[in-house]
Structures are given as C-alpha cells and as structure tokens.
N, C-alpha and C. Protein backbone atom coordinates (compact mmCIF):
# COMPACT_ATOMS: atom_id res chain seq x y z
N MET A 1 93.98 186.78 98.74
CA MET A 1 94.75 187.72 99.52
C MET A 1 95.84 188.30 98.28
N ALA A 2 95.43 188.77 97.03
CA ALA A 2 96.44 189.18 96.17
C ALA A 2 96.97 190.61 96.59
N ASP A 3 96.27 191.26 97.43
CA ASP A 3 96.85 192.69 97.74
C ASP A 3 97.62 192.49 99.02
N ALA A 4 97.94 191.48 99.67
CA ALA A 4 98.72 191.19 100.89
C ALA A 4 100.09 191.40 100.56
N PRO A 5 100.86 192.12 101.37
CA PRO A 5 102.23 192.45 101.17
C PRO A 5 103.02 191.34 101.09
N ARG A 6 104.04 191.44 100.26
CA ARG A 6 105.04 190.72 100.19
C ARG A 6 106.19 190.35 101.15
N GLN A 7 106.51 189.18 101.32
CA GLN A 7 107.24 188.96 102.53
C GLN A 7 108.69 189.68 102.30
N GLY A 8 109.40 189.80 103.73
CA GLY A 8 110.64 190.36 103.25
C GLY A 8 111.56 189.15 103.13
N ASP A 9 113.02 189.75 103.05
CA ASP A 9 114.05 188.95 102.66
C ASP A 9 114.92 188.68 104.13
N LEU A 10 115.11 187.31 104.27
CA LEU A 10 115.59 187.09 105.34
C LEU A 10 117.26 187.75 105.32
N PHE A 11 117.81 187.53 104.28
CA PHE A 11 119.29 187.87 104.33
C PHE A 11 119.11 189.07 102.92
N ALA A 12 119.57 190.24 103.50
CA ALA A 12 119.43 191.34 102.11
C ALA A 12 120.30 191.03 100.97
N ASP A 13 121.42 190.21 101.23
CA ASP A 13 122.26 190.05 100.16
C ASP A 13 122.29 188.53 99.79
N ALA A 14 121.09 187.88 100.04
CA ALA A 14 120.90 186.49 99.43
C ALA A 14 120.42 186.54 98.04
N SER A 15 121.38 185.71 97.10
CA SER A 15 120.98 185.77 95.87
C SER A 15 119.71 184.94 95.43
N GLN A 16 119.09 185.65 94.53
CA GLN A 16 117.53 185.06 94.17
C GLN A 16 117.90 184.59 92.82
N THR A 17 117.61 183.17 92.73
CA THR A 17 118.25 182.57 91.34
C THR A 17 116.88 181.60 90.62
N GLY A 18 116.14 180.83 91.40
CA GLY A 18 115.29 180.12 90.89
C GLY A 18 113.93 180.31 91.30
N ALA A 19 113.03 179.47 91.03
CA ALA A 19 111.60 179.56 91.54
C ALA A 19 111.08 178.51 92.39
N ALA A 20 111.02 178.62 93.59
CA ALA A 20 110.50 177.67 94.53
C ALA A 20 109.30 178.47 95.26
N GLY A 21 108.33 177.81 95.59
CA GLY A 21 107.26 178.37 96.69
C GLY A 21 106.69 179.20 96.08
N GLY A 22 106.71 179.26 94.71
CA GLY A 22 105.77 180.34 94.02
C GLY A 22 106.63 181.59 93.86
N GLY A 23 107.59 181.83 94.77
CA GLY A 23 108.49 182.98 94.46
C GLY A 23 109.95 182.53 94.17
N ALA A 24 110.74 183.78 94.25
CA ALA A 24 112.28 183.44 94.04
C ALA A 24 112.94 182.52 95.17
N GLU A 25 113.71 181.49 94.66
CA GLU A 25 114.53 180.70 95.51
C GLU A 25 115.62 181.56 95.96
N LEU A 26 115.67 181.45 97.51
CA LEU A 26 116.78 182.16 98.15
C LEU A 26 117.91 181.08 98.45
N ALA A 27 119.22 181.60 98.26
CA ALA A 27 120.12 180.62 98.33
C ALA A 27 120.55 180.51 100.08
N ILE A 28 119.75 179.88 100.90
CA ILE A 28 120.01 180.00 102.44
C ILE A 28 120.64 178.69 102.65
N THR A 29 121.65 179.02 103.63
CA THR A 29 122.42 177.98 104.05
C THR A 29 121.92 177.46 105.18
N ALA A 30 122.43 176.26 105.72
CA ALA A 30 121.55 175.55 106.97
C ALA A 30 122.20 176.46 108.23
N PRO A 31 123.44 177.10 108.04
CA PRO A 31 123.41 178.00 109.45
C PRO A 31 122.60 179.15 109.42
N GLN A 32 122.34 179.91 108.35
CA GLN A 32 121.54 181.05 108.12
C GLN A 32 120.15 180.61 108.65
N LEU A 33 119.64 179.41 108.20
CA LEU A 33 118.17 178.91 108.50
C LEU A 33 118.20 178.50 109.96
N ARG A 34 118.97 177.90 110.58
CA ARG A 34 119.19 177.65 111.91
C ARG A 34 119.09 179.01 112.68
N ARG A 35 120.08 180.07 112.27
CA ARG A 35 119.73 181.14 113.11
C ARG A 35 118.46 181.84 113.13
N TRP A 36 118.00 181.99 111.99
CA TRP A 36 116.55 182.43 111.89
C TRP A 36 115.36 181.68 112.62
N GLN A 37 115.50 180.44 112.75
CA GLN A 37 114.69 179.72 113.69
C GLN A 37 115.11 180.00 115.22
N GLN A 38 116.45 180.03 115.57
CA GLN A 38 116.95 180.22 116.92
C GLN A 38 116.35 181.60 117.39
N ARG A 39 116.29 182.93 116.54
CA ARG A 39 115.83 184.04 116.65
C ARG A 39 114.40 183.98 117.18
N VAL A 40 113.57 183.27 116.34
CA VAL A 40 112.12 183.02 116.61
C VAL A 40 111.87 182.31 117.98
N HIS A 41 112.62 181.30 118.05
CA HIS A 41 112.69 180.59 119.23
C HIS A 41 113.00 181.33 120.57
N ALA A 42 114.17 181.96 120.36
CA ALA A 42 114.36 182.91 121.45
C ALA A 42 113.17 183.72 122.19
N PHE A 43 112.64 184.22 121.26
CA PHE A 43 111.48 185.04 121.66
C PHE A 43 110.16 184.13 121.92
N GLN A 44 110.03 183.15 121.47
CA GLN A 44 108.73 182.31 121.67
C GLN A 44 108.90 181.20 122.78
N ALA A 45 109.86 180.70 122.72
CA ALA A 45 110.21 179.75 124.09
C ALA A 45 109.69 180.14 125.43
N PRO A 46 109.98 181.25 125.91
CA PRO A 46 109.31 181.48 127.20
C PRO A 46 107.84 181.58 127.39
N LEU A 47 107.36 181.63 126.18
CA LEU A 47 105.56 181.52 126.13
C LEU A 47 105.41 180.27 126.36
N PHE A 48 106.13 179.40 126.05
CA PHE A 48 105.65 177.81 125.90
C PHE A 48 106.05 177.32 127.35
N ALA A 49 106.87 177.91 128.05
CA ALA A 49 107.63 177.51 129.38
C ALA A 49 106.23 177.44 130.21
N PRO A 50 106.11 176.42 131.19
CA PRO A 50 105.03 176.56 132.19
C PRO A 50 105.46 177.47 133.24
N THR A 51 104.61 178.10 133.86
CA THR A 51 104.83 179.19 134.86
C THR A 51 105.23 178.39 136.32
N PRO A 52 106.30 178.39 136.76
CA PRO A 52 106.44 178.00 138.05
C PRO A 52 105.40 178.30 139.18
N PRO A 53 105.06 177.35 139.98
CA PRO A 53 104.16 177.77 140.94
C PRO A 53 104.27 178.84 141.77
N ASP A 54 105.32 179.16 142.47
CA ASP A 54 105.65 180.28 143.16
C ASP A 54 105.54 181.40 142.50
N ALA A 55 105.56 181.45 141.15
CA ALA A 55 105.33 182.91 140.24
C ALA A 55 103.82 183.18 140.09
N LEU A 56 103.07 181.91 140.31
CA LEU A 56 101.49 182.27 140.24
C LEU A 56 101.05 183.38 141.16
N GLN A 57 101.51 183.25 142.57
CA GLN A 57 101.01 184.28 143.41
C GLN A 57 101.11 185.44 142.95
N GLY A 58 102.31 186.06 142.48
CA GLY A 58 102.51 187.29 142.14
C GLY A 58 101.84 187.64 140.77
N ALA A 59 101.44 186.83 139.96
CA ALA A 59 100.97 187.02 138.59
C ALA A 59 99.40 186.86 138.78
N PHE A 60 98.66 186.65 139.93
CA PHE A 60 97.40 186.30 140.02
C PHE A 60 96.49 187.17 139.36
N PHE A 61 96.82 188.50 139.83
CA PHE A 61 96.04 189.62 139.20
C PHE A 61 96.20 190.02 137.68
N GLU A 62 97.59 189.81 137.33
CA GLU A 62 97.63 189.70 135.86
C GLU A 62 97.00 188.87 135.01
N ALA A 63 97.06 187.43 135.74
CA ALA A 63 96.38 186.49 134.69
C ALA A 63 95.04 186.67 134.63
N ALA A 64 94.33 187.23 135.81
CA ALA A 64 92.94 187.44 135.93
C ALA A 64 92.46 188.71 134.98
N GLN A 65 93.35 189.55 134.70
CA GLN A 65 93.17 190.62 133.53
C GLN A 65 93.32 190.04 132.12
N ASP A 66 94.25 188.98 132.10
CA ASP A 66 94.67 188.48 130.77
C ASP A 66 94.40 187.02 130.62
N PRO A 67 93.23 186.67 130.19
CA PRO A 67 92.96 185.18 130.16
C PRO A 67 93.90 184.26 129.35
N LEU A 68 94.23 184.98 128.33
CA LEU A 68 95.40 184.14 127.31
C LEU A 68 96.73 184.19 127.76
N ALA A 69 97.13 184.77 129.06
CA ALA A 69 98.25 184.59 129.65
C ALA A 69 98.71 183.20 129.83
N SER A 70 98.01 182.29 130.07
CA SER A 70 98.25 180.93 130.27
C SER A 70 97.66 180.06 129.10
N PHE A 71 97.21 180.46 128.05
CA PHE A 71 97.18 179.87 126.73
C PHE A 71 98.33 179.01 126.30
N ASP A 72 98.23 177.80 126.08
CA ASP A 72 99.25 176.96 125.56
C ASP A 72 98.67 176.19 124.36
N PRO A 73 99.38 176.51 123.22
CA PRO A 73 98.83 175.75 121.68
C PRO A 73 99.48 174.37 121.84
N LEU A 74 100.17 174.13 122.79
CA LEU A 74 100.50 172.59 123.00
C LEU A 74 99.69 171.57 123.54
N GLN A 75 98.79 172.28 124.18
CA GLN A 75 97.64 171.24 124.73
C GLN A 75 96.56 170.93 123.49
N LEU A 76 96.72 171.44 122.51
CA LEU A 76 95.88 171.14 121.37
C LEU A 76 96.34 170.14 120.47
N LYS A 77 95.49 169.27 120.22
CA LYS A 77 95.98 167.94 119.10
C LYS A 77 96.53 168.61 117.95
N PRO A 78 98.03 167.96 117.86
CA PRO A 78 98.43 168.18 116.62
C PRO A 78 98.01 167.26 115.43
N LEU A 79 97.76 167.96 114.35
CA LEU A 79 97.51 167.45 113.00
C LEU A 79 98.37 167.49 111.90
N PRO A 80 98.40 166.65 111.05
CA PRO A 80 99.39 166.90 109.84
C PRO A 80 98.77 167.74 108.89
N LEU A 81 99.65 168.59 107.96
CA LEU A 81 99.24 169.84 107.43
C LEU A 81 98.21 169.20 106.25
N SER A 82 98.26 168.20 106.20
CA SER A 82 97.54 167.25 104.82
C SER A 82 95.97 167.13 105.45
N PHE A 83 95.78 167.33 106.72
CA PHE A 83 94.19 166.97 107.26
C PHE A 83 93.21 167.42 106.48
N TRP A 84 93.49 168.50 105.88
CA TRP A 84 92.12 169.03 104.84
C TRP A 84 92.09 167.93 103.78
N ARG A 85 92.87 167.11 103.30
CA ARG A 85 92.60 165.98 102.53
C ARG A 85 91.65 164.93 102.86
N TRP A 86 91.68 164.89 104.28
CA TRP A 86 90.81 163.76 104.89
C TRP A 86 89.30 163.54 104.45
N PRO A 87 88.69 162.60 104.20
CA PRO A 87 87.29 162.54 103.69
C PRO A 87 86.48 163.40 104.84
N GLU A 88 86.54 163.33 106.07
CA GLU A 88 85.80 163.73 107.30
C GLU A 88 86.80 164.68 107.95
N GLY A 89 86.44 166.04 107.90
CA GLY A 89 87.17 166.96 109.01
C GLY A 89 87.09 166.72 110.44
N PRO A 90 88.06 167.10 110.87
CA PRO A 90 88.25 166.77 112.33
C PRO A 90 87.80 167.70 113.44
N HIS A 91 87.73 169.20 112.43
CA HIS A 91 87.17 170.11 113.12
C HIS A 91 86.18 170.71 112.52
N GLN A 92 85.14 171.33 113.09
CA GLN A 92 84.02 172.10 112.40
C GLN A 92 83.65 173.28 113.05
N GLY A 93 83.21 174.44 112.13
CA GLY A 93 82.76 175.73 112.85
C GLY A 93 84.04 176.73 113.08
N ALA A 94 83.71 177.34 113.91
CA ALA A 94 84.63 178.40 113.99
C ALA A 94 85.97 177.90 115.05
N ALA A 95 87.11 178.32 114.54
CA ALA A 95 88.32 178.26 115.14
C ALA A 95 89.37 179.20 114.84
N LEU A 96 90.49 179.01 115.86
CA LEU A 96 91.61 179.58 115.78
C LEU A 96 92.64 178.38 115.42
N TYR A 97 93.58 178.64 114.49
CA TYR A 97 94.44 177.34 114.13
C TYR A 97 95.90 178.09 114.38
N PHE A 98 96.78 176.99 114.55
CA PHE A 98 98.18 177.61 114.85
C PHE A 98 99.10 176.31 114.14
N VAL A 99 99.90 177.04 113.21
CA VAL A 99 100.83 176.18 112.57
C VAL A 99 102.07 176.11 113.18
N MET A 100 102.67 175.08 113.45
CA MET A 100 103.77 174.86 114.21
C MET A 100 104.95 173.93 113.51
N ASP A 101 106.25 174.21 114.08
CA ASP A 101 107.26 173.30 113.46
C ASP A 101 108.07 172.75 114.73
N ARG A 102 108.82 171.74 114.83
CA ARG A 102 109.29 171.23 115.86
C ARG A 102 110.57 170.80 115.66
N PRO A 103 111.46 171.87 115.49
CA PRO A 103 112.97 171.52 114.79
C PRO A 103 113.46 170.65 116.02
N ALA A 104 114.51 169.55 115.83
CA ALA A 104 115.01 168.64 116.81
C ALA A 104 115.96 169.36 117.73
N ASP A 105 116.75 170.52 117.36
CA ASP A 105 117.61 171.12 118.22
C ASP A 105 117.41 172.21 119.02
N LEU A 106 115.84 172.32 118.96
CA LEU A 106 115.33 173.52 119.68
C LEU A 106 114.71 172.88 121.11
N ALA A 107 114.76 173.60 122.07
CA ALA A 107 114.02 173.16 123.42
C ALA A 107 112.31 172.94 123.16
N GLN A 108 111.86 174.11 122.48
CA GLN A 108 110.34 174.33 122.27
C GLN A 108 110.13 174.51 120.65
N PRO A 109 108.93 174.21 120.23
CA PRO A 109 108.54 174.07 118.93
C PRO A 109 108.48 175.90 118.56
N LEU A 110 108.28 175.96 117.13
CA LEU A 110 108.10 177.32 116.63
C LEU A 110 106.66 177.39 116.39
N LEU A 111 106.12 178.58 116.75
CA LEU A 111 104.61 178.85 116.11
C LEU A 111 104.90 179.84 115.09
N LEU A 112 104.53 179.06 113.89
CA LEU A 112 104.89 179.78 112.38
C LEU A 112 103.68 180.65 112.15
N TYR A 113 102.29 180.33 112.54
CA TYR A 113 101.47 181.16 111.80
C TYR A 113 100.12 180.86 112.89
N ILE A 114 99.58 181.81 113.06
CA ILE A 114 97.97 182.00 113.69
C ILE A 114 96.93 182.33 112.80
N GLY A 115 95.84 181.70 112.68
CA GLY A 115 94.74 182.01 111.61
C GLY A 115 93.40 181.85 112.54
N GLU A 116 92.40 182.38 111.92
CA GLU A 116 91.13 182.42 112.52
C GLU A 116 90.12 181.83 111.25
N THR A 117 89.27 181.03 111.45
CA THR A 117 88.06 180.92 110.48
C THR A 117 86.78 180.71 111.19
N ILE A 118 85.92 180.77 110.44
CA ILE A 118 84.52 180.44 110.60
C ILE A 118 84.09 179.07 110.29
N ALA A 119 85.02 178.50 109.42
CA ALA A 119 84.74 176.83 109.04
C ALA A 119 85.95 176.06 109.03
N ALA A 120 86.38 175.47 110.12
CA ALA A 120 87.54 174.82 110.35
C ALA A 120 87.83 173.82 109.33
N ASP A 121 86.66 173.16 108.94
CA ASP A 121 86.80 171.87 107.89
C ASP A 121 87.14 172.62 106.50
N ARG A 122 86.85 173.77 106.33
CA ARG A 122 87.11 174.07 104.75
C ARG A 122 88.20 175.14 104.70
N ARG A 123 88.63 175.74 105.63
CA ARG A 123 89.64 176.99 105.66
C ARG A 123 90.90 176.52 104.55
N TRP A 124 91.32 175.30 104.85
CA TRP A 124 92.53 175.13 104.17
C TRP A 124 92.50 174.27 103.00
N LYS A 125 91.07 174.09 102.45
CA LYS A 125 90.87 173.36 101.09
C LYS A 125 91.17 174.15 100.03
N GLY A 126 91.21 175.54 100.17
CA GLY A 126 91.25 176.43 99.00
C GLY A 126 92.82 177.13 99.05
N GLU A 127 92.86 178.24 98.45
CA GLU A 127 94.05 178.90 98.51
C GLU A 127 94.40 179.43 99.72
N HIS A 128 95.73 179.42 100.25
CA HIS A 128 95.98 179.90 101.64
C HIS A 128 97.43 180.22 101.54
N ASP A 129 97.74 181.69 101.64
CA ASP A 129 99.35 182.14 101.84
C ASP A 129 100.02 181.09 102.49
N CYS A 130 99.63 181.09 103.52
CA CYS A 130 100.48 180.18 104.76
C CYS A 130 100.75 178.71 104.07
N LYS A 131 99.92 178.04 103.40
CA LYS A 131 100.63 176.83 102.58
C LYS A 131 101.50 177.16 101.71
N ALA A 132 101.76 178.16 101.21
CA ALA A 132 102.75 178.44 100.21
C ALA A 132 104.07 178.63 100.89
N TYR A 133 103.85 179.46 102.10
CA TYR A 133 105.03 179.86 102.97
C TYR A 133 105.54 178.47 103.50
N LEU A 134 104.74 177.72 104.04
CA LEU A 134 104.95 176.47 104.51
C LEU A 134 105.63 175.48 103.61
N ALA A 135 105.08 175.44 102.47
CA ALA A 135 105.80 174.80 101.28
C ALA A 135 107.29 175.25 100.74
N ALA A 136 107.36 176.42 101.09
CA ALA A 136 108.88 177.23 100.89
C ALA A 136 109.64 176.80 101.89
N TYR A 137 109.37 177.13 103.27
CA TYR A 137 109.86 176.58 104.30
C TYR A 137 110.42 175.31 104.43
N GLN A 138 109.43 174.21 104.05
CA GLN A 138 109.82 172.78 104.36
C GLN A 138 110.98 172.65 102.94
N GLU A 139 110.77 173.14 101.90
CA GLU A 139 111.79 173.01 100.92
C GLU A 139 113.00 173.55 101.30
N ALA A 140 113.15 174.62 101.97
CA ALA A 140 114.31 175.27 102.32
C ALA A 140 114.99 174.23 103.61
N CYS A 141 114.22 173.96 104.51
CA CYS A 141 114.75 172.81 105.58
C CYS A 141 115.31 171.61 104.78
N MET A 142 114.52 171.30 103.98
CA MET A 142 115.06 170.08 103.17
C MET A 142 116.33 170.13 102.35
N ALA A 143 116.44 171.32 101.83
CA ALA A 143 117.54 171.67 101.11
C ALA A 143 118.72 171.75 101.79
N CYS A 144 118.53 172.27 103.18
CA CYS A 144 119.48 172.37 104.02
C CYS A 144 120.20 171.38 105.08
N GLY A 145 119.12 170.29 104.82
CA GLY A 145 119.37 168.96 105.53
C GLY A 145 118.88 169.18 107.02
N LEU A 146 117.83 170.16 107.24
CA LEU A 146 117.15 170.18 108.39
C LEU A 146 115.81 169.41 108.34
N ARG A 147 115.74 168.69 109.77
CA ARG A 147 114.37 167.87 109.61
C ARG A 147 113.21 169.13 109.90
N CYS A 148 112.32 168.75 109.38
CA CYS A 148 111.10 169.60 109.42
C CYS A 148 109.85 169.00 109.82
N SER A 149 109.19 169.38 110.95
CA SER A 149 108.03 168.59 111.80
C SER A 149 107.16 169.51 112.00
N THR A 150 106.01 169.73 110.73
CA THR A 150 105.16 170.77 111.04
C THR A 150 103.79 170.18 111.11
N SER A 151 103.11 170.72 112.12
CA SER A 151 101.80 170.38 112.33
C SER A 151 100.63 171.50 112.32
N ILE A 152 99.60 171.18 112.30
CA ILE A 152 98.49 172.35 112.73
C ILE A 152 97.46 171.88 114.11
N ARG A 153 97.11 172.95 114.52
CA ARG A 153 96.37 172.58 115.89
C ARG A 153 95.10 173.61 115.60
N PHE A 154 94.09 173.01 116.22
CA PHE A 154 92.69 173.95 116.07
C PHE A 154 92.28 174.19 117.58
N TRP A 155 91.66 175.33 117.82
CA TRP A 155 91.14 175.49 118.91
C TRP A 155 89.69 175.97 118.71
N GLY A 156 88.91 175.06 119.01
CA GLY A 156 87.29 175.44 118.67
C GLY A 156 86.64 176.19 119.81
N ASP A 157 87.30 176.41 120.85
CA ASP A 157 86.36 177.22 121.91
C ASP A 157 86.90 178.59 121.71
N VAL A 158 86.16 179.22 120.79
CA VAL A 158 86.45 180.62 120.17
C VAL A 158 85.16 181.16 119.95
N PRO A 159 85.02 182.36 119.96
CA PRO A 159 83.67 183.18 119.70
C PRO A 159 83.25 183.02 118.02
N ARG A 160 82.27 182.66 117.96
CA ARG A 160 81.42 182.50 116.53
C ARG A 160 81.39 183.83 116.03
N ALA A 161 81.27 184.85 116.49
CA ALA A 161 81.24 186.21 115.90
C ALA A 161 82.47 186.68 115.43
N THR A 162 82.56 187.01 114.24
CA THR A 162 83.81 187.25 113.49
C THR A 162 84.75 188.22 114.14
N ARG A 163 84.21 189.27 114.68
CA ARG A 163 85.06 190.25 114.94
C ARG A 163 85.59 190.09 116.30
N ALA A 164 84.74 189.34 117.13
CA ALA A 164 85.57 188.96 118.39
C ALA A 164 86.53 188.06 118.03
N ARG A 165 86.32 186.99 117.30
CA ARG A 165 87.44 185.87 116.98
C ARG A 165 88.74 186.53 116.40
N ARG A 166 88.41 187.46 115.44
CA ARG A 166 89.45 188.29 114.95
C ARG A 166 90.46 188.96 115.84
N GLN A 167 89.63 189.72 116.64
CA GLN A 167 90.46 190.49 117.87
C GLN A 167 91.04 189.40 118.74
N LEU A 168 90.49 188.05 119.02
CA LEU A 168 91.21 187.15 119.77
C LEU A 168 92.51 186.69 118.99
N GLU A 169 92.31 186.34 117.76
CA GLU A 169 93.51 186.27 116.98
C GLU A 169 94.64 187.28 117.01
N GLN A 170 94.12 188.47 116.81
CA GLN A 170 95.19 189.58 116.76
C GLN A 170 96.18 189.79 118.01
N THR A 171 95.22 189.41 119.19
CA THR A 171 95.66 189.46 120.33
C THR A 171 96.97 188.28 120.66
N LEU A 172 96.58 187.05 120.08
CA LEU A 172 97.60 185.99 120.15
C LEU A 172 98.62 186.39 119.14
N ILE A 173 98.63 186.89 118.09
CA ILE A 173 99.40 187.33 117.13
C ILE A 173 100.50 188.47 117.86
N ARG A 174 100.21 189.19 118.40
CA ARG A 174 100.97 190.33 119.21
C ARG A 174 101.88 189.48 120.20
N ARG A 175 101.07 188.77 120.83
CA ARG A 175 101.78 188.03 121.98
C ARG A 175 102.93 187.00 121.31
N TRP A 176 102.56 186.13 120.36
CA TRP A 176 103.45 184.83 119.95
C TRP A 176 104.44 185.55 118.73
N GLN A 177 104.12 186.72 117.88
CA GLN A 177 104.80 187.12 117.00
C GLN A 177 105.17 185.81 116.19
N PRO A 178 104.22 185.20 115.38
CA PRO A 178 104.36 183.93 114.52
C PRO A 178 104.85 184.79 113.07
N PRO A 179 106.10 184.38 112.61
CA PRO A 179 106.88 184.79 111.58
C PRO A 179 106.07 184.80 110.11
N PHE A 180 104.86 183.90 109.93
CA PHE A 180 104.40 183.94 108.65
C PHE A 180 103.12 184.58 108.55
N ASN A 181 102.82 185.36 109.86
CA ASN A 181 101.59 186.45 109.86
C ASN A 181 102.17 187.63 109.37
N LYS A 182 101.32 188.37 108.48
CA LYS A 182 101.53 189.53 107.80
C LYS A 182 101.84 190.58 108.62
N GLU A 183 101.28 190.53 109.80
CA GLU A 183 101.77 191.50 110.84
C GLU A 183 103.04 191.30 111.36
N THR A 184 103.86 190.23 111.40
CA THR A 184 105.10 190.37 112.01
C THR A 184 106.45 189.91 111.06
N ARG A 185 105.91 189.85 109.82
CA ARG A 185 106.94 189.57 108.74
C ARG A 185 108.13 190.37 108.53
N GLU A 186 107.91 191.68 108.83
CA GLU A 186 108.82 192.54 108.92
C GLU A 186 110.10 192.26 110.08
N ARG A 187 109.31 191.93 111.26
CA ARG A 187 110.22 191.77 112.37
C ARG A 187 111.13 190.39 112.05
N TRP A 188 110.61 189.42 111.65
CA TRP A 188 111.59 188.42 111.44
C TRP A 188 112.26 188.19 110.07
N ALA A 189 111.99 189.09 109.10
CA ALA A 189 112.40 189.24 107.75
C ALA A 189 112.40 187.82 106.98
N THR A 190 111.18 187.13 107.13
CA THR A 190 110.74 185.96 106.77
C THR A 190 110.94 185.76 105.11
N PRO A 191 111.75 184.71 104.96
CA PRO A 191 112.22 184.57 103.37
C PRO A 191 111.06 183.61 102.52
N PHE A 192 110.29 183.35 103.08
CA PHE A 192 109.41 182.55 102.60
C PHE A 192 108.10 183.03 101.76
N HIS A 193 108.14 182.90 100.51
CA HIS A 193 107.28 183.77 99.85
C HIS A 193 105.94 183.04 99.16
N ALA A 194 104.74 183.77 98.97
CA ALA A 194 103.66 183.13 98.63
C ALA A 194 103.61 183.60 97.18
N ALA A 195 102.93 182.80 96.35
CA ALA A 195 103.00 183.06 94.74
C ALA A 195 102.22 184.42 94.64
C-alpha cells in the first residue's frame, strides 16, 4: 500500500524529531495521548455497551434492518498480535479482523483497526500498515508510561466473496470509526505513521 495516504498529525504543533515506527517521532505527552484515547473512547463506548432490554422493543425494526447493530467484537476471542508467528494459525480462510487496545483507565476498549482478508492465517505474515501504526502506538504508550494491551480478534463468519466481505468491512468502519483505518485518519488526527 505504498500509495496509501499518510497519517495526519495528532497535534499540529508537535515537534518532529526522531524516527520511530518508520516515520517521524512525535513529541507526545501522556496527557495528550490520553486525550486522544478518550476522544476515540467517547465515540466508541456506546457501541460496546449492551442494549438495555427495555430499549429492544423500540429498536426491533431498526435491528431487523441492520443485523450489524448488535455486533459485538468483544464476543470474539482475543489473540496476541504475535499470533502470526505461531506454527499453526488459529484461523483459516476469509475473515474480518479487529485490532483493539484496552487502556486501564477507560470503561471500554478502543477499536483501533478493522480489516478483511481472504486468508486469515497469512494476512499478517507480510507487510501491513497497521502493524507499523501499532508499533508506533505501543512505543508512544510506553514512552508516556501508559499501559498498552493490544489484541486482535477474528470473525470468520463472513462472506467468502471479496466484494461482499469488503462491503461488510466498510459498514463496520463507518459504524466504529477506528482511528488506524485510512477512511477515518483525518477524523482522529492519528499520529502513528507507517514506513
């Protein structure tokens, strides 16, 4: 994805001094990084919250029109980001995948990236922009003294046909607005760069 647009800066006046994560290292302070996480969390947290039973009656027809309204990525088994190094992949075939972090001070996790693949066992073995963003994000958290608990989750009950799977991916990206997807980078001013 050499032609993919570059990430925007989280803070317009942040000084760019070194080289981390393949791009310029940003001088991000812990309060700035926490505020960025809190902005993403404020948008996504209601999507993680279970729907109260009394709200289901009024939302019945809406839910019938949108089967993804009740989709909860937390129901998928979390794996370490290093899963692709395992001798035997835990998932095979077509899948959507969800990269998340679980900051200790937030009520819900952050959904950082949504992707799709025809080969879940091979997708992360090669180059992937999200791997570079995650490395830079993890380095920033560590430099700021913030705990980072990233994981990846696979949803294998998706269409095998590429077009249908990509449409599903785009629907979920529009709903969740994950900050590492190219479609939403401007919204969150994500500072984590790919090489």
